[in-house]
Amino acid sequence: MIKDYYRILGLADNAEDVVIRTAFKLLAHRYHPDKWLQEQPTANRMMAEINEAYRTLSDPLLKLAYDQKRVIYQVDSDFYRILGVLGHVDIKMIQVAYEVLSQKYRHSSSHALAEKRLVEINQAYQILADVTKRKTYDFKQKSASYFSRSNRRSGLSLWKVYLVYNLVFYLIIAGIIFLL
């Protein structure tokens, strides 16, 4: 099985080069063996994984070959994909991704595309940087994905019983109103 370098760096599959570089710097600083003196073997293993992931994802040719070898899974959350991070990352990673992406698109030569991208980045950051807004957003995304696609099963479920109950209730009320 192939290692998931994006997950090691805490990034989404569509992370841009500036986000990859910044995530590497942040994680290398956080997990450097000199800072983990008590757990030296763990720190060495983590740094080796972080370095391997960065070495592959920072080189365009190696990244292309790596992406072709692995299966790319869709991330349900659009705001996370906009910033190029995964849903489990901490606020520091979200801030760093926002800063480098906004800086990249502020200095872009294509103004129409850059403006649109900056609006998306700002909107995503406003939701994901606020803890309560992020929790609400995550809850909405999970419940939307639960009721939409893969969790639809044939047979009786609590959701179907609820829908039938409401339908019958409103039909009875409508019948009573019609008879009066």
Protein backbone atom coordinates (compact mmCIF):
# COMPACT_ATOMS: atom_id res chain seq x y z
CA MET A 1 0.00 0.00 0.00
CA ILE A 2 1.27 3.44 -0.93
CA LYS A 3 1.86 6.03 1.80
CA ASP A 4 -0.49 8.99 1.83
CA TYR A 5 1.90 11.92 1.73
CA TYR A 6 -0.92 14.44 1.68
CA ARG A 7 -2.31 13.05 4.93
CA ILE A 8 1.16 13.01 6.52
CA LEU A 9 1.42 16.75 5.87
CA GLY A 10 -2.25 17.31 6.80
CA LEU A 11 -3.20 18.50 3.33
CA ALA A 12 -5.96 17.88 0.83
CA ASP A 13 -5.25 16.26 -2.53
CA ASN A 14 -5.43 19.57 -4.37
CA ALA A 15 -3.00 21.49 -2.12
CA GLU A 16 -0.94 24.06 -3.98
CA ASP A 17 2.83 24.29 -3.86
CA VAL A 18 2.91 27.21 -1.42
CA VAL A 19 0.66 25.37 1.02
CA ILE A 20 2.79 22.21 0.73
CA ARG A 21 5.98 24.15 1.44
CA THR A 22 4.45 26.02 4.38
CA ALA A 23 2.91 22.88 5.89
CA PHE A 24 6.29 21.17 5.68
CA LYS A 25 8.03 24.06 7.45
CA LEU A 26 5.39 24.14 10.17
CA LEU A 27 5.51 20.39 10.79
CA ALA A 28 9.30 20.23 10.61
CA HIS A 29 9.50 22.95 13.22
CA ARG A 30 6.87 21.24 15.38
CA TYR A 31 8.29 17.69 15.22
CA HIS A 32 12.03 18.40 15.02
CA PRO A 33 14.01 15.79 17.02
CA ASP A 34 15.82 18.50 18.96
CA LYS A 35 12.49 19.55 20.48
CA TRP A 36 11.44 15.96 21.32
CA LEU A 37 14.43 14.95 23.40
CA GLN A 38 12.48 12.43 25.52
CA GLU A 39 10.96 10.66 22.50
CA GLN A 40 13.90 10.68 20.08
CA PRO A 41 12.91 7.54 18.06
CA THR A 42 9.37 8.83 17.53
CA ALA A 43 10.64 12.24 16.48
CA ASN A 44 13.14 10.71 14.04
CA ARG A 45 10.43 8.53 12.49
CA MET A 46 8.03 11.48 12.16
CA MET A 47 10.69 13.72 10.62
CA ALA A 48 11.62 10.99 8.15
CA GLU A 49 7.96 10.70 7.06
CA ILE A 50 7.55 14.47 6.82
CA ASN A 51 10.76 14.80 4.77
CA GLU A 52 9.78 11.94 2.46
CA ALA A 53 6.34 13.45 1.89
CA TYR A 54 7.74 16.89 1.20
CA ARG A 55 10.46 15.57 -1.11
CA THR A 56 7.81 13.86 -3.23
CA LEU A 57 5.13 16.56 -3.21
CA SER A 58 7.46 19.51 -3.75
CA ASP A 59 8.93 18.11 -6.98
CA PRO A 60 6.35 18.50 -9.80
CA LEU A 61 7.46 15.35 -11.64
CA LEU A 62 7.54 13.18 -8.54
CA LYS A 63 4.18 14.60 -7.44
CA LEU A 64 2.61 13.80 -10.81
CA ALA A 65 3.92 10.23 -10.71
CA TYR A 66 2.77 9.84 -7.11
CA ASP A 67 -0.73 11.18 -7.88
CA GLN A 68 -1.07 8.75 -10.78
CA LYS A 69 -0.15 5.79 -8.55
CA ARG A 70 -2.59 6.48 -5.77
CA VAL A 71 -6.34 6.64 -5.70
CA ILE A 72 -7.57 10.14 -5.09
CA TYR A 73 -10.45 10.33 -2.66
CA GLN A 74 -12.85 13.24 -2.75
CA VAL A 75 -13.00 15.37 0.34
CA ASP A 76 -16.59 16.28 1.23
CA SER A 77 -15.85 19.76 2.46
CA ASP A 78 -15.34 22.50 -0.11
CA PHE A 79 -13.83 25.03 2.31
CA TYR A 80 -11.12 22.59 3.30
CA ARG A 81 -10.40 21.90 -0.37
CA ILE A 82 -10.22 25.64 -1.11
CA LEU A 83 -7.48 26.06 1.49
CA GLY A 84 -5.90 22.74 0.49
CA VAL A 85 -6.04 21.16 3.95
CA LEU A 86 -7.86 18.23 5.52
CA GLY A 87 -10.64 18.47 8.07
CA HIS A 88 -8.58 17.29 11.03
CA VAL A 89 -5.86 19.97 10.90
CA ASP A 90 -5.45 22.51 13.67
CA ILE A 91 -6.12 26.23 13.46
CA LYS A 92 -2.44 27.06 12.95
CA MET A 93 -2.34 25.04 9.71
CA ILE A 94 -5.51 26.77 8.50
CA GLN A 95 -4.01 30.19 9.25
CA VAL A 96 -0.78 29.35 7.49
CA ALA A 97 -2.58 27.97 4.43
CA TYR A 98 -4.74 31.09 4.29
CA GLU A 99 -1.77 33.44 4.57
CA VAL A 100 0.33 31.83 1.86
CA LEU A 101 -2.60 31.42 -0.55
CA SER A 102 -3.82 34.98 -0.09
CA GLN A 103 -0.28 36.28 -0.57
CA LYS A 104 0.13 34.19 -3.73
CA TYR A 105 -3.09 35.46 -5.30
CA ARG A 106 -2.62 39.09 -4.23
CA HIS A 107 0.51 39.20 -6.36
CA SER A 108 -0.96 37.26 -9.29
CA SER A 109 -0.87 38.69 -12.81
CA SER A 110 -4.32 37.37 -13.73
CA HIS A 111 -6.56 39.80 -11.82
CA ALA A 112 -10.00 38.32 -12.61
CA LEU A 113 -9.01 34.81 -11.58
CA ALA A 114 -7.04 36.09 -8.60
CA GLU A 115 -9.98 38.14 -7.29
CA LYS A 116 -12.34 35.18 -7.52
CA ARG A 117 -9.84 32.91 -5.80
CA LEU A 118 -9.20 35.48 -3.05
CA VAL A 119 -12.93 35.73 -2.32
CA GLU A 120 -13.12 31.92 -2.01
CA ILE A 121 -10.04 31.81 0.22
CA ASN A 122 -11.33 34.60 2.49
CA GLN A 123 -14.75 32.99 2.81
CA ALA A 124 -13.23 29.61 3.65
CA TYR A 125 -10.90 31.17 6.22
CA GLN A 126 -13.69 33.13 7.92
CA ILE A 127 -15.62 29.90 8.51
CA LEU A 128 -12.74 27.58 9.38
CA ALA A 129 -10.81 29.99 11.62
CA ASP A 130 -13.77 30.53 13.97
CA VAL A 131 -14.23 27.48 16.20
CA THR A 132 -18.02 27.69 16.47
CA LYS A 133 -18.52 28.40 12.77
CA ARG A 134 -16.18 25.52 11.92
CA LYS A 135 -18.09 23.09 14.15
CA THR A 136 -21.38 24.17 12.60
CA TYR A 137 -19.92 23.86 9.10
CA ASP A 138 -18.50 20.40 9.81
CA PHE A 139 -21.82 19.26 11.27
CA LYS A 140 -23.74 20.51 8.23
CA GLN A 141 -21.29 18.82 5.86
CA LYS A 142 -21.49 15.50 7.70
CA SER A 143 -25.27 15.54 7.92
CA ALA A 144 -25.57 16.55 4.25
CA SER A 145 -23.29 13.72 3.19
CA TYR A 146 -25.15 11.28 5.47
CA PHE A 147 -28.54 11.99 3.95
CA SER A 148 -27.36 12.40 0.38
CA ARG A 149 -25.42 9.62 -1.23
CA SER A 150 -23.68 6.62 0.25
CA ASN A 151 -25.81 6.11 3.33
CA ARG A 152 -29.05 5.56 1.46
CA ARG A 153 -30.11 2.03 2.08
CA SER A 154 -33.15 0.12 1.03
CA GLY A 155 -35.47 -1.03 3.76
CA LEU A 156 -36.98 0.55 6.79
CA SER A 157 -35.09 3.30 8.58
CA LEU A 158 -35.92 5.85 11.24
CA TRP A 159 -35.79 8.61 8.64
CA LYS A 160 -38.32 6.83 6.41
CA VAL A 161 -40.65 6.16 9.35
CA TYR A 162 -40.49 9.85 10.24
CA LEU A 163 -41.31 10.90 6.68
CA VAL A 164 -44.25 8.49 6.42
CA TYR A 165 -45.55 9.63 9.82
CA ASN A 166 -45.45 13.28 8.71
CA LEU A 167 -47.12 12.48 5.41
CA VAL A 168 -49.96 10.58 7.07
CA PHE A 169 -50.37 13.29 9.71
CA TYR A 170 -50.68 16.09 7.15
CA LEU A 171 -53.03 14.05 4.96
CA ILE A 172 -55.34 13.51 7.95
CA ILE A 173 -55.22 17.22 8.82
CA ALA A 174 -55.94 18.14 5.18
CA GLY A 175 -58.84 15.66 5.12
CA ILE A 176 -60.34 17.14 8.26
CA ILE A 177 -60.03 20.67 6.93
CA PHE A 178 -61.55 19.61 3.59
CA LEU A 179 -64.56 17.98 5.31
CA LEU A 180 -65.29 21.03 7.44
